[in-house]
Protein backbone atom coordinates (compact mmCIF):
# COMPACT_ATOMS: atom_id res chain seq x y z
CA MET A 1 -5.07 2.90 27.45
CA ILE A 2 -6.94 -0.35 28.12
CA LEU A 3 -8.09 -1.35 25.08
CA GLY A 4 -4.22 -1.60 24.06
CA SER A 5 -3.26 -3.07 26.73
CA LEU A 6 -5.99 -5.55 26.17
CA MET A 7 -4.70 -6.10 22.18
CA ARG A 8 -0.98 -6.95 23.04
CA LEU A 9 -2.68 -9.38 25.89
CA VAL A 10 -5.00 -11.25 23.37
CA ALA A 11 -1.43 -11.52 20.97
CA ARG A 12 0.43 -12.79 23.55
CA ASP A 13 -1.91 -15.42 24.47
CA GLU A 14 -4.26 -16.79 21.27
CA LYS A 15 -1.64 -18.73 19.09
CA MET A 16 -3.78 -17.30 16.22
CA ARG A 17 -3.11 -13.65 15.01
CA LEU A 18 -6.52 -11.37 13.46
CA HIS A 19 -4.66 -8.41 11.01
CA LEU A 20 -7.54 -5.70 10.25
CA VAL A 21 -6.21 -3.97 7.34
CA ALA A 22 -8.22 -0.32 6.04
CA GLY A 23 -7.46 2.34 3.96
CA PHE A 24 -8.44 4.51 0.73
CA LEU A 25 -9.46 2.53 -2.20
CA GLY A 26 -6.06 2.40 -3.91
CA SER A 27 -3.96 2.79 -1.31
CA GLY A 28 -1.85 -0.60 -2.02
CA LYS A 29 -3.96 -2.88 0.99
CA THR A 30 -4.17 -6.21 -1.02
CA THR A 31 -0.48 -6.21 -2.65
CA ALA A 32 1.05 -5.98 1.24
CA ILE A 33 -1.24 -8.60 2.26
CA ILE A 34 -0.61 -10.95 -0.27
CA GLY A 35 3.30 -10.15 0.10
CA ALA A 36 2.64 -11.07 4.38
CA CYS A 37 1.11 -14.82 4.01
CA LYS A 38 3.41 -15.62 0.83
CA LEU A 39 6.81 -14.48 3.81
CA LEU A 40 4.48 -16.51 6.34
CA MET A 41 3.55 -19.43 4.34
CA ALA A 42 7.66 -19.99 3.50
CA GLN A 43 8.32 -19.83 7.25
CA GLY A 44 5.93 -22.98 7.98
CA GLN A 45 2.57 -20.83 8.96
CA ARG A 46 -0.99 -21.05 8.09
CA VAL A 47 -3.04 -18.19 6.91
CA GLY A 48 -5.96 -16.75 5.61
CA VAL A 49 -7.43 -13.78 4.05
CA VAL A 50 -11.45 -11.72 4.32
CA THR A 51 -11.85 -9.80 1.80
CA ASN A 52 -14.32 -6.83 1.74
CA ASP A 53 -16.26 -4.92 -0.66
CA GLN A 54 -19.67 -3.40 -1.82
CA GLY A 55 -19.24 -5.54 -4.69
CA LYS A 56 -20.19 -9.23 -5.44
CA TYR A 57 -17.64 -9.95 -7.87
CA LEU A 58 -14.06 -9.14 -6.39
CA VAL A 59 -10.78 -9.02 -8.44
CA ASP A 60 -8.91 -8.85 -4.78
CA THR A 61 -10.52 -12.41 -3.87
CA ALA A 62 -9.58 -14.28 -7.04
CA PHE A 63 -6.11 -12.98 -6.67
CA VAL A 64 -5.95 -13.86 -3.43
CA ARG A 65 -6.65 -17.76 -4.58
CA LEU A 66 -4.02 -17.46 -7.13
CA ALA A 67 -1.78 -17.08 -4.56
CA ASP A 68 -3.01 -20.85 -3.34
CA ILE A 69 -4.24 -18.63 -0.22
CA PRO A 70 -7.29 -19.55 1.39
CA ALA A 71 -9.86 -16.42 0.92
CA VAL A 72 -13.25 -15.55 1.72
CA GLU A 73 -14.92 -12.99 1.55
CA VAL A 74 -18.01 -10.44 2.98
CA SER A 75 -19.61 -8.90 -0.29
CA GLY A 76 -22.15 -6.70 -0.78
CA GLY A 77 -21.44 -4.16 2.16
CA CYS A 78 -18.77 -3.45 4.49
CA PHE A 79 -17.39 -4.79 8.00
CA CYS A 80 -19.37 -2.66 9.59
CA CYS A 81 -22.67 -3.34 8.03
CA HIS A 82 -22.14 -6.77 8.15
CA TYR A 83 -20.60 -7.87 11.63
CA ASP A 84 -22.52 -10.75 11.12
CA ASP A 85 -20.55 -12.01 7.87
CA LEU A 86 -17.74 -11.15 9.42
CA HIS A 87 -18.08 -12.90 12.25
CA ALA A 88 -19.49 -16.22 10.41
CA ARG A 89 -16.39 -15.87 7.64
CA LEU A 90 -13.36 -15.84 10.11
CA ALA A 91 -15.50 -18.76 13.00
CA MET A 92 -14.92 -20.61 9.09
CA LEU A 93 -11.36 -20.05 8.91
CA ARG A 94 -10.42 -20.51 12.40
CA ASP A 95 -12.42 -24.13 11.54
CA GLU A 96 -11.22 -25.05 8.76
CA VAL A 97 -7.76 -23.37 8.62
CA HIS A 98 -7.01 -23.89 11.76
CA PRO A 99 -4.94 -20.41 10.45
CA ASP A 100 -1.70 -18.66 12.86
CA ALA A 101 -2.45 -15.18 11.00
CA ILE A 102 -6.18 -13.99 9.58
CA PHE A 103 -5.78 -11.10 7.65
CA ALA A 104 -8.86 -9.19 7.33
CA GLU A 105 -9.03 -6.03 4.50
CA SER A 106 -12.29 -3.77 5.63
CA VAL A 107 -13.34 -2.11 1.97
CA GLY A 108 -11.58 0.84 0.51
CA SER A 109 -14.46 3.27 1.35
CA CYS A 110 -14.94 2.26 5.31
CA ALA A 111 -14.54 4.35 7.77
CA ASP A 112 -14.96 4.18 11.44
CA VAL A 113 -13.42 0.50 12.16
CA VAL A 114 -12.18 0.53 15.00
CA ALA A 115 -15.59 1.63 17.30
CA THR A 116 -18.00 -0.28 14.43
CA VAL A 117 -15.32 -3.36 14.06
CA ILE A 118 -12.43 -4.02 16.31
CA ARG A 119 -13.74 -3.61 19.15
CA PRO A 120 -16.60 -5.78 19.49
CA LEU A 121 -14.48 -8.25 17.99
CA LEU A 122 -12.74 -7.52 21.44
CA THR A 123 -15.32 -6.96 23.55
CA LEU A 124 -18.62 -8.93 22.53
CA SER A 125 -18.38 -12.79 24.36
CA ASP A 126 -19.52 -14.60 21.37
CA SER A 127 -16.37 -13.00 19.23
CA PRO A 128 -14.61 -15.93 16.82
CA ALA A 129 -10.91 -13.82 17.29
CA GLN A 130 -9.78 -10.70 18.25
CA PRO A 131 -7.62 -8.42 16.30
CA THR A 132 -3.34 -8.16 17.20
CA SER A 133 -2.96 -5.03 14.94
CA PHE A 134 -4.75 -2.40 13.14
CA SER A 135 -3.20 -1.05 10.19
CA VAL A 136 -4.24 1.99 7.55
CA PHE A 137 -3.03 2.43 4.49
CA ALA A 138 -2.44 5.33 2.73
CA ASP A 139 -1.34 6.14 -0.84
CA ALA A 140 2.03 7.92 0.25
CA ARG A 141 1.59 10.92 -2.84
CA LEU A 142 -2.24 11.35 -1.67
CA LEU A 143 -1.27 11.67 2.09
CA HIS A 144 1.58 14.15 0.80
CA ARG A 145 -0.78 16.01 -1.51
CA ARG A 146 -3.33 16.48 1.44
CA LEU A 147 -0.63 17.63 4.10
CA LEU A 148 0.46 19.99 2.22
CA GLY A 149 -3.09 20.96 1.14
CA MET A 150 -3.24 20.55 -2.24
CA PRO A 151 -6.30 20.07 -4.50
CA MET A 152 -7.57 16.42 -4.22
CA PRO A 153 -8.88 14.40 -7.07
CA PHE A 154 -11.97 14.17 -5.12
CA SER A 155 -14.15 16.06 -4.00
CA ASP A 156 -14.69 16.90 -0.10
CA SER A 157 -17.24 14.36 0.93
CA ILE A 158 -14.87 11.49 -0.20
CA VAL A 159 -11.54 13.22 0.56
CA TYR A 160 -13.90 13.05 3.98
CA LEU A 161 -13.68 9.72 4.40
CA PHE A 162 -10.25 10.04 3.56
CA ASP A 163 -9.36 11.74 6.43
CA ARG A 164 -11.48 9.69 9.02
CA GLN A 165 -9.20 6.78 8.11
CA ILE A 166 -6.08 8.31 8.61
CA GLU A 167 -7.68 10.20 11.67
CA GLU A 168 -8.57 6.37 13.47
CA ALA A 169 -5.61 4.46 12.25
CA GLY A 170 -3.58 2.40 15.03
CA LEU A 171 -0.32 2.60 13.10
CA LEU A 172 -0.71 5.14 10.20
CA VAL A 173 1.40 2.94 7.11
CA ILE A 174 2.67 5.69 3.87
CA ASN A 175 2.76 3.13 1.20
CA LYS A 176 4.27 3.72 -1.57
CA ILE A 177 6.42 5.48 -0.84
CA ASP A 178 8.75 4.36 -3.36
CA LEU A 179 6.95 6.78 -5.84
CA LEU A 180 8.06 9.75 -3.73
CA THR A 181 11.32 11.38 -4.06
CA PRO A 182 13.87 10.70 -1.23
CA GLU A 183 13.66 15.08 -0.03
CA GLN A 184 8.81 14.41 -0.48
CA ALA A 185 9.12 11.08 1.55
CA ALA A 186 10.97 12.55 4.82
CA GLU A 187 8.39 15.68 4.36
CA VAL A 188 5.54 13.36 4.17
CA GLU A 189 6.34 12.35 7.30
CA GLN A 190 7.56 15.01 9.38
CA LEU A 191 4.30 16.01 8.21
CA ALA A 192 2.57 13.25 9.20
CA GLN A 193 4.10 13.40 12.50
CA ARG A 194 3.05 17.22 13.07
CA ARG A 195 -0.40 16.54 11.94
CA PHE A 196 -1.02 13.60 14.23
CA PRO A 197 1.87 13.84 17.24
CA GLY A 198 1.68 10.40 18.72
CA LYS A 199 0.46 8.20 15.83
CA ARG A 200 2.61 5.39 15.05
CA LEU A 201 4.02 6.26 10.83
CA ARG A 202 5.61 3.82 9.11
CA ARG A 203 7.00 4.09 5.67
CA GLN A 204 6.76 1.24 3.38
CA ASN A 205 7.00 0.04 0.18
CA SER A 206 4.70 -3.18 -0.38
CA LEU A 207 6.89 -4.53 -3.08
CA ALA A 208 9.71 -5.34 -1.45
CA ALA A 209 10.32 -8.21 1.04
CA LYS A 210 12.38 -6.35 3.17
CA SER A 211 9.72 -3.45 3.88
CA ILE A 212 7.03 -6.49 4.09
CA ALA A 213 9.22 -8.29 6.57
CA GLU A 214 9.18 -5.34 8.32
CA TRP A 215 5.82 -4.64 8.41
CA VAL A 216 4.53 -8.71 9.59
CA GLU A 217 7.14 -8.34 12.96
CA LEU A 218 5.82 -5.30 14.28
CA ILE A 219 1.89 -6.17 13.50
CA ASP A 220 2.61 -9.54 15.31
CA GLN A 221 4.08 -8.34 18.27
CA GLY A 222 0.70 -6.30 18.48
CA ALA A 223 2.94 -2.99 19.22
CA PRO A 224 -0.31 -0.41 17.42
CA VAL A 225 -2.24 1.10 20.03
CA MET A 226 -5.82 2.03 19.41
CA PRO A 227 -6.52 5.79 19.65
CA ALA A 228 -7.28 6.69 22.94
CA ARG A 229 -10.60 9.08 22.09
CA ASP A 230 -13.09 7.90 19.50
CA ASN A 231 -13.04 9.09 16.27
CA GLU A 232 -15.43 12.15 15.40
CA ILE A 233 -17.46 11.36 12.79
CA ASP A 234 -20.59 12.34 11.34
CA TYR A 235 -22.29 9.53 9.49
CA GLU A 236 -24.34 12.09 7.71
CA ARG A 237 -21.51 12.95 5.68
CA TYR A 238 -19.78 9.38 5.31
CA GLY A 239 -23.32 8.30 3.72
CA GLU A 240 -22.81 11.02 1.38
CA GLY A 241 -19.20 10.19 0.72
CA GLU A 242 -19.69 6.73 -0.34
CA SER A 243 -22.75 7.55 -2.17
CA ARG A 244 -20.69 9.58 -4.84
CA LEU A 245 -19.01 6.33 -5.27
CA ALA A 246 -20.18 4.23 -7.87
CA TRP A 247 -19.25 0.64 -7.64
CA LEU A 248 -19.05 -1.29 -11.16
CA ASP A 249 -18.29 -4.93 -11.52
CA GLN A 250 -18.23 -6.99 -14.66
CA GLU A 251 -16.67 -10.44 -16.13
CA VAL A 252 -15.61 -9.48 -20.13
CA ARG A 253 -14.57 -12.70 -22.96
CA TRP A 254 -12.99 -11.72 -25.51
CA THR A 255 -11.95 -14.05 -28.70
CA VAL A 256 -8.54 -13.03 -30.13
CA ARG A 257 -6.67 -13.89 -32.41
CA GLU A 258 -3.66 -16.45 -30.92
CA GLY A 259 -0.85 -14.27 -29.44
CA GLN A 260 -2.93 -11.05 -29.47
CA GLY A 261 -4.38 -11.24 -25.64
CA ARG A 262 -2.04 -9.50 -24.26
CA PRO A 263 -2.29 -6.10 -26.66
CA VAL A 264 -5.81 -6.78 -26.47
CA VAL A 265 -6.31 -6.12 -23.25
CA ILE A 266 -3.41 -3.86 -22.60
CA ALA A 267 -5.95 -1.92 -25.42
CA MET A 268 -8.83 -2.32 -23.36
CA ILE A 269 -7.14 -0.97 -20.08
CA GLU A 270 -6.07 2.16 -21.28
CA GLN A 271 -9.22 2.75 -23.32
CA ILE A 272 -11.40 2.66 -20.10
CA THR A 273 -9.09 4.28 -17.89
CA ALA A 274 -8.34 7.00 -20.55
CA ALA A 275 -11.99 7.81 -21.04
CA ILE A 276 -12.36 8.05 -17.07
CA ARG A 277 -9.85 10.47 -16.78
CA ALA A 278 -11.12 12.54 -19.88
CA GLN A 279 -14.56 13.33 -17.69
CA ASN A 280 -12.69 14.49 -14.45
CA TRP A 281 -13.74 11.66 -12.77
CA GLY A 282 -12.13 10.53 -9.64
CA ILE A 283 -10.47 7.19 -9.54
CA GLY A 284 -10.99 5.26 -6.44
CA HIS A 285 -9.14 2.03 -8.51
CA LEU A 286 -9.58 0.39 -11.60
CA LYS A 287 -8.68 -3.66 -11.08
CA PHE A 288 -8.99 -6.35 -13.76
CA LEU A 289 -7.72 -9.74 -13.06
CA ALA A 290 -6.80 -11.24 -17.08
CA ARG A 291 -6.77 -14.94 -17.57
CA GLY A 292 -5.93 -16.61 -20.90
CA GLU A 293 -5.58 -20.56 -21.08
CA GLN A 294 -2.19 -20.06 -19.87
CA GLY A 295 -1.20 -16.56 -17.42
CA GLU A 296 -3.00 -14.56 -15.39
CA ALA A 297 -2.30 -10.72 -14.94
CA LYS A 298 -4.07 -8.54 -12.07
CA ILE A 299 -3.76 -5.10 -13.13
CA SER A 300 -4.34 -2.01 -10.58
CA ILE A 301 -4.80 1.68 -11.51
CA PRO A 302 -4.85 3.83 -8.84
CA THR A 303 -5.99 7.63 -7.82
CA LEU A 304 -2.33 8.37 -9.52
CA GLU A 305 -1.09 7.13 -12.34
CA GLU A 306 1.45 4.75 -11.87
CA ALA A 307 3.77 3.95 -14.45
CA GLY A 308 5.06 0.75 -15.69
CA TRP A 309 2.09 -1.90 -16.09
CA GLN A 310 2.06 -2.06 -19.40
CA GLU A 311 5.42 -3.53 -19.41
CA ARG A 312 4.16 -5.86 -15.76
CA MET A 313 1.41 -7.29 -17.94
CA PRO A 314 2.80 -10.57 -18.44
CA SER A 315 1.38 -12.72 -22.24
CA LEU A 316 -2.17 -14.70 -22.15
CA ARG A 317 -1.88 -17.40 -23.81
CA GLY A 318 -4.86 -18.65 -26.14
CA ARG A 319 -7.50 -17.20 -28.48
CA ARG A 320 -10.32 -17.21 -25.11
CA ILE A 321 -8.78 -13.97 -22.19
CA GLU A 322 -11.63 -13.69 -19.69
CA VAL A 323 -10.93 -10.25 -17.71
CA LEU A 324 -13.10 -9.47 -14.24
CA ILE A 325 -13.06 -5.58 -13.81
CA ASN A 326 -13.96 -3.59 -10.70
CA ALA A 327 -14.25 0.27 -10.61
CA ARG A 328 -14.49 2.33 -8.19
CA VAL A 329 -14.98 5.92 -9.75
CA GLU A 330 -16.47 9.47 -8.47
CA ALA A 331 -19.70 9.39 -10.71
CA GLU A 332 -22.85 8.85 -11.16
CA ALA A 333 -23.14 4.80 -11.75
CA HIS A 334 -25.58 4.50 -15.29
CA ALA A 335 -23.15 6.89 -17.00
CA LEU A 336 -19.94 5.03 -15.87
CA ARG A 337 -21.74 1.93 -16.99
CA GLU A 338 -22.22 3.42 -20.34
CA LEU A 339 -18.72 4.87 -20.51
CA ILE A 340 -17.08 1.69 -19.49
CA GLN A 341 -19.07 -0.06 -22.14
CA GLN A 342 -18.93 2.04 -24.91
CA SER A 343 -14.59 1.62 -24.05
CA LEU A 344 -14.86 -2.28 -24.47
CA GLU A 345 -16.71 -1.35 -28.21
CA GLN A 346 -14.03 0.83 -29.41
CA THR A 347 -11.43 -2.07 -28.03
CA ALA A 348 -13.23 -4.68 -30.24
CA GLN A 349 -13.16 -2.40 -33.12
CA ALA A 350 -9.42 -1.35 -33.28
CA THR A 351 -8.38 -4.23 -32.41
CA GLY A 352 -10.85 -6.75 -33.73
CA ALA A 353 -11.52 -8.89 -31.14
CA THR A 354 -14.62 -10.35 -30.09
CA LEU A 355 -16.18 -8.91 -26.78
CA SER A 356 -18.97 -10.66 -24.43
CA GLU A 357 -20.05 -9.41 -21.82
CA SER A 358 -21.34 -10.70 -18.43
CA ARG A 359 -22.93 -10.81 -14.54
CA VAL A 360 -23.13 -6.91 -15.20
CA THR A 361 -23.59 -4.95 -11.75
CA PHE A 362 -23.19 -0.82 -11.37
CA PHE A 363 -24.78 0.49 -8.23
CA HIS A 364 -23.95 3.15 -5.19
CA PRO A 365 -23.47 2.04 -1.63
CA ASP A 366 -26.48 2.08 0.63
CA THR A 367 -25.98 4.29 3.25
CA PRO A 368 -23.83 2.98 6.09
CA HIS A 369 -26.30 1.72 9.14
CA PRO A 370 -23.47 -0.45 11.41
CA THR A 371 -24.66 -3.59 13.48
CA HIS A 372 -22.43 -2.76 16.31
CA ARG A 373 -20.83 0.53 17.69
CA ILE A 374 -19.03 0.59 20.86
CA SER A 375 -17.30 3.80 21.91
CA ALA A 376 -14.06 4.41 24.47
CA SER A 377 -15.82 4.14 27.44
CA SER A 378 -17.73 1.23 26.91
CA ALA A 379 -14.80 -0.57 25.65
CA THR A 380 -13.17 0.34 28.95
CA LEU A 381 -15.86 -1.31 30.87
CA ASN A 382 -15.77 -4.00 29.34
CA ALA A 383 -12.04 -4.49 29.43
CA SER A 384 -12.14 -3.72 32.89
């Protein structure tokens, strides 16, 4: 447990705290991070965020910045394969923002974070920051299904990524707990305790200020420790899982009649979501950042449906509406591109709005090749 002791020592001796946050696509990591940053900023603390994605045009980065939170990104690949970029972004935040706390959120398809990111940050001599905590988020509903042995909405190779993320968690945050009944919430925690004896568990609703405050208090203590043993991971299966996910990023510009921005964006999201679900493609997440001349909105569609997002959509004033789309779906990338393009055209026909597309990219992630991979035994030797 030397690594855990080292993390607690870092938390006491270093002013700047670095909180690593991981977890599967759509588990609510970004919402929790923004809530935590707003809480710390209200206390007079300086914060920074490092976002991460396989793509290059990120809804999350834009949304974090809209909350007036300093944010940088590692794009085009995961932290583990772009460790030098992560190193540079952390140094940039440290030197330019002088934050009291940094939250670094790994892309939702990334696994093996402890060996490839956390241990290098803890043990390499030129590390710009050393982690205080490591939280892995899981959608409570997906975790509940998995622990009960129910069918998952993804192929086995993608479920393998989900399992490996949970396995290596220092702190497992069972998020969106409010979307389960009290009986289901108690059951998922009991099942997780039996499946992962000794693992630190936390039920959380990241939309509730009190729940966020409790999480921040916990991670600021540096209490969640690393697993004592290495995460057993098969990189061939890991790469296969990532390759089954299609990434699509694009910008859409709508020209609408005054007052029609909101209904056009709602129609677009409903059309895209329905088309993907009709194909029985597993949704990692669909994220949309819509901006009018006045007003903006971020809408997230996760793996399992969450009702009520239409009611939360604000009015988008003006005749020009810009939308940034991030889609992470188990599908063939070209097929996903064609389906979304057809959905956009159908939305234009149904609403009378004029459509313009730009900055479209779609692909499958490359096989992961970490810059560093440090085992528990090597970290122990370095720490001694």
